[in-house]
């Protein structure tokens, strides 16, 4: 495997969403924490070390007018297959995903972020939501500046104040009921087919 160039690494980091994760215990400040972590990796037996990342993920080439057509049932089936995968900030494979990689894979599109999802989808209203539509919170609209995206499945009550969603969130991707949050913009994948 070829080592990425500094320019490629810088670009990759600049396109990833930032996610703050609270520490669960005391840590040494700065460089000391890095040294301690490196020492632990050297002393950990190979059988206990984290698995190596899987091969890179390649997506279908984009076609004029957006991604190739895909049915709602295919999108939901993709989300179902991605359940229980650990949350990893910047993760893009089955050993760990972040929220936007989860949605990108479910939608069958190239890797997007909360700020680029509009390149493969368009805004819709709350009343138009259907299974497989995304609920997107861009970094600019997020009070914490992190951004988040989840997938709508169906309404959980007649008042449309609670909904079932698929989402990649710590510690792993889940399907659950949450409250409607008006900060999130409903988005529909370009070239989705109602089937």
Protein backbone atom coordinates (compact mmCIF):
# COMPACT_ATOMS: atom_id res chain seq x y z
CA UNK A 1 0.00 0.00 0.00
CA UNK A 2 1.37 3.41 -0.97
CA UNK A 3 1.66 5.98 1.79
CA UNK A 4 -0.59 9.03 1.13
CA UNK A 5 1.07 12.34 0.40
CA UNK A 6 0.81 15.21 2.91
CA UNK A 7 -1.45 17.05 0.44
CA UNK A 8 -3.80 14.05 0.15
CA UNK A 9 -3.91 13.70 3.95
CA UNK A 10 -4.64 17.40 4.39
CA UNK A 11 -7.48 17.24 1.84
CA UNK A 12 -8.96 14.11 3.45
CA UNK A 13 -8.90 15.73 6.89
CA UNK A 14 -10.49 18.93 5.58
CA UNK A 15 -13.47 17.05 4.13
CA UNK A 16 -14.29 15.05 7.24
CA UNK A 17 -16.82 16.27 9.80
CA UNK A 18 -15.52 17.05 13.28
CA UNK A 19 -17.04 15.05 16.11
CA UNK A 20 -16.24 15.78 19.75
CA UNK A 21 -16.05 12.67 21.89
CA UNK A 22 -15.87 12.93 25.67
CA UNK A 23 -12.98 11.18 27.37
CA UNK A 24 -13.97 8.37 29.71
CA UNK A 25 -11.00 8.62 32.00
CA UNK A 26 -7.99 10.68 32.97
CA UNK A 27 -5.48 11.24 30.18
CA UNK A 28 -2.02 12.68 30.07
CA UNK A 29 -1.82 16.06 28.34
CA UNK A 30 -0.70 16.39 24.72
CA UNK A 31 2.53 14.72 23.74
CA UNK A 32 2.66 12.54 26.88
CA UNK A 33 -0.68 10.95 25.91
CA UNK A 34 0.66 10.23 22.42
CA UNK A 35 3.78 8.55 23.84
CA UNK A 36 1.72 6.49 26.28
CA UNK A 37 -0.60 5.35 23.50
CA UNK A 38 2.37 4.34 21.30
CA UNK A 39 3.93 2.39 24.18
CA UNK A 40 0.68 0.53 24.79
CA UNK A 41 0.44 -0.43 21.12
CA UNK A 42 3.97 -1.89 21.19
CA UNK A 43 3.29 -3.93 24.32
CA UNK A 44 -0.14 -5.23 23.24
CA UNK A 45 -0.03 -8.79 21.85
CA UNK A 46 -1.05 -9.05 18.18
CA UNK A 47 -4.09 -11.13 19.15
CA UNK A 48 -5.46 -8.18 21.19
CA UNK A 49 -4.72 -5.39 18.74
CA UNK A 50 -7.51 -3.79 16.71
CA UNK A 51 -8.06 -5.36 13.29
CA UNK A 52 -6.46 -3.70 10.29
CA UNK A 53 -8.83 -1.62 8.16
CA UNK A 54 -10.54 -3.42 5.31
CA UNK A 55 -9.75 -2.70 1.68
CA UNK A 56 -10.78 0.72 0.35
CA UNK A 57 -14.42 1.17 -0.62
CA UNK A 58 -15.11 2.10 -4.23
CA UNK A 59 -18.42 3.55 -5.37
CA UNK A 60 -20.12 3.65 -8.74
CA UNK A 61 -19.07 6.56 -10.90
CA UNK A 62 -21.42 9.53 -10.84
CA UNK A 63 -23.55 9.97 -13.97
CA UNK A 64 -24.77 13.26 -15.42
CA UNK A 65 -27.84 14.40 -13.51
CA UNK A 66 -26.82 12.66 -10.28
CA UNK A 67 -26.23 9.13 -9.02
CA UNK A 68 -27.77 6.12 -10.79
CA UNK A 69 -31.41 5.38 -9.92
CA UNK A 70 -32.01 3.46 -6.68
CA UNK A 71 -35.23 2.33 -5.00
CA UNK A 72 -36.31 3.26 -1.50
CA UNK A 73 -36.39 -0.42 -0.56
CA UNK A 74 -32.74 -0.78 -1.67
CA UNK A 75 -31.74 2.23 0.45
CA UNK A 76 -33.51 0.85 3.54
CA UNK A 77 -32.05 -2.63 2.92
CA UNK A 78 -28.55 -1.05 2.76
CA UNK A 79 -29.17 0.72 6.09
CA UNK A 80 -30.33 -2.57 7.66
CA UNK A 81 -27.09 -4.28 6.54
CA UNK A 82 -25.05 -1.51 8.19
CA UNK A 83 -26.63 -1.87 11.66
CA UNK A 84 -24.38 -2.61 14.67
CA UNK A 85 -21.20 -1.29 13.01
CA UNK A 86 -19.10 0.64 15.57
CA UNK A 87 -19.00 4.43 15.34
CA UNK A 88 -15.55 5.65 14.29
CA UNK A 89 -15.01 9.31 13.44
CA UNK A 90 -13.89 9.40 9.80
CA UNK A 91 -14.54 5.65 9.46
CA UNK A 92 -15.48 4.41 6.00
CA UNK A 93 -15.55 0.61 6.22
CA UNK A 94 -17.32 -2.22 8.04
CA UNK A 95 -14.92 -2.05 11.00
CA UNK A 96 -16.17 1.48 11.75
CA UNK A 97 -18.26 4.24 10.18
CA UNK A 98 -19.21 7.78 11.00
CA UNK A 99 -22.69 9.19 10.39
CA UNK A 100 -22.06 10.56 6.90
CA UNK A 101 -20.26 7.43 5.69
CA UNK A 102 -23.22 5.36 6.96
CA UNK A 103 -25.69 7.52 4.99
CA UNK A 104 -23.43 7.61 1.90
CA UNK A 105 -23.25 3.81 1.86
CA UNK A 106 -26.99 3.43 2.44
CA UNK A 107 -27.74 5.87 -0.40
CA UNK A 108 -25.23 4.12 -2.69
CA UNK A 109 -23.27 7.30 -3.39
CA UNK A 110 -19.64 8.37 -3.08
CA UNK A 111 -18.47 9.48 0.36
CA UNK A 112 -20.30 12.65 1.35
CA UNK A 113 -20.26 14.81 4.48
CA UNK A 114 -23.12 16.72 6.07
CA UNK A 115 -21.92 19.76 4.13
CA UNK A 116 -21.70 18.00 0.72
CA UNK A 117 -24.80 15.78 0.90
CA UNK A 118 -26.66 18.36 -1.20
CA UNK A 119 -24.51 17.34 -4.20
CA UNK A 120 -26.43 14.04 -4.40
CA UNK A 121 -29.76 15.07 -2.85
CA UNK A 122 -32.20 17.96 -2.59
CA UNK A 123 -34.20 19.53 0.26
CA UNK A 124 -37.79 18.43 0.86
CA UNK A 125 -40.37 19.36 3.49
CA UNK A 126 -41.18 17.44 6.66
CA UNK A 127 -44.54 16.47 5.14
CA UNK A 128 -42.80 14.84 2.16
CA UNK A 129 -40.58 12.51 4.24
CA UNK A 130 -40.56 8.86 3.18
CA UNK A 131 -38.43 5.83 4.04
CA UNK A 132 -34.84 6.32 2.84
CA UNK A 133 -34.83 10.12 3.01
CA UNK A 134 -32.00 11.76 4.97
CA UNK A 135 -32.28 14.18 7.87
CA UNK A 136 -29.25 16.42 7.60
CA UNK A 137 -27.75 18.85 10.10
CA UNK A 138 -24.90 20.73 8.43
CA UNK A 139 -21.96 21.96 10.46
CA UNK A 140 -23.22 25.53 10.00
CA UNK A 141 -26.65 24.72 11.46
CA UNK A 142 -25.32 22.59 14.32
CA UNK A 143 -24.90 24.66 17.53
CA UNK A 144 -21.82 22.54 18.36
CA UNK A 145 -20.42 22.86 14.82
CA UNK A 146 -20.07 19.11 14.30
CA UNK A 147 -22.94 18.27 11.95
CA UNK A 148 -24.89 15.00 11.89
CA UNK A 149 -27.03 13.05 9.46
CA UNK A 150 -29.52 10.22 9.97
CA UNK A 151 -32.01 8.34 7.79
CA UNK A 152 -35.77 8.58 8.15
CA UNK A 153 -37.66 5.27 8.23
CA UNK A 154 -41.24 6.12 9.29
CA UNK A 155 -43.29 8.15 11.73
CA UNK A 156 -43.70 6.60 15.18
CA UNK A 157 -46.87 8.54 16.03
CA UNK A 158 -49.82 10.17 14.25
CA UNK A 159 -48.78 13.67 15.35
CA UNK A 160 -45.45 13.30 13.47
CA UNK A 161 -43.45 14.34 16.52
CA UNK A 162 -41.60 11.01 16.88
CA UNK A 163 -39.93 8.95 14.18
CA UNK A 164 -37.98 5.77 13.53
CA UNK A 165 -34.52 6.51 12.13
CA UNK A 166 -31.37 4.66 11.16
CA UNK A 167 -28.22 6.39 12.34
CA UNK A 168 -24.55 5.86 13.03
CA UNK A 169 -23.96 7.28 16.47
CA UNK A 170 -21.68 6.23 19.34
CA UNK A 171 -21.26 3.43 20.21
CA UNK A 172 -22.75 1.81 17.03
CA UNK A 173 -25.31 2.19 14.26
CA UNK A 174 -28.90 1.64 15.38
CA UNK A 175 -32.56 1.79 14.36
CA UNK A 176 -34.60 3.58 17.02
CA UNK A 177 -37.30 6.14 17.83
CA UNK A 178 -36.33 9.77 18.37
CA UNK A 179 -38.14 13.11 18.55
CA UNK A 180 -38.53 15.24 15.44
CA UNK A 181 -35.85 17.96 15.44
CA UNK A 182 -36.58 20.97 13.21
CA UNK A 183 -32.85 21.82 12.98
CA UNK A 184 -32.44 18.83 10.64
CA UNK A 185 -33.21 19.45 6.96
CA UNK A 186 -35.09 16.59 5.24
CA UNK A 187 -33.20 15.61 2.04
CA UNK A 188 -34.14 13.25 -0.78
CA UNK A 189 -31.52 11.39 -2.83
CA UNK A 190 -31.40 12.43 -6.48
CA UNK A 191 -32.84 9.72 -8.75
CA UNK A 192 -34.63 7.81 -5.97
CA UNK A 193 -37.36 5.49 -7.22
CA UNK A 194 -40.52 4.92 -5.18
CA UNK A 195 -40.43 1.13 -4.93
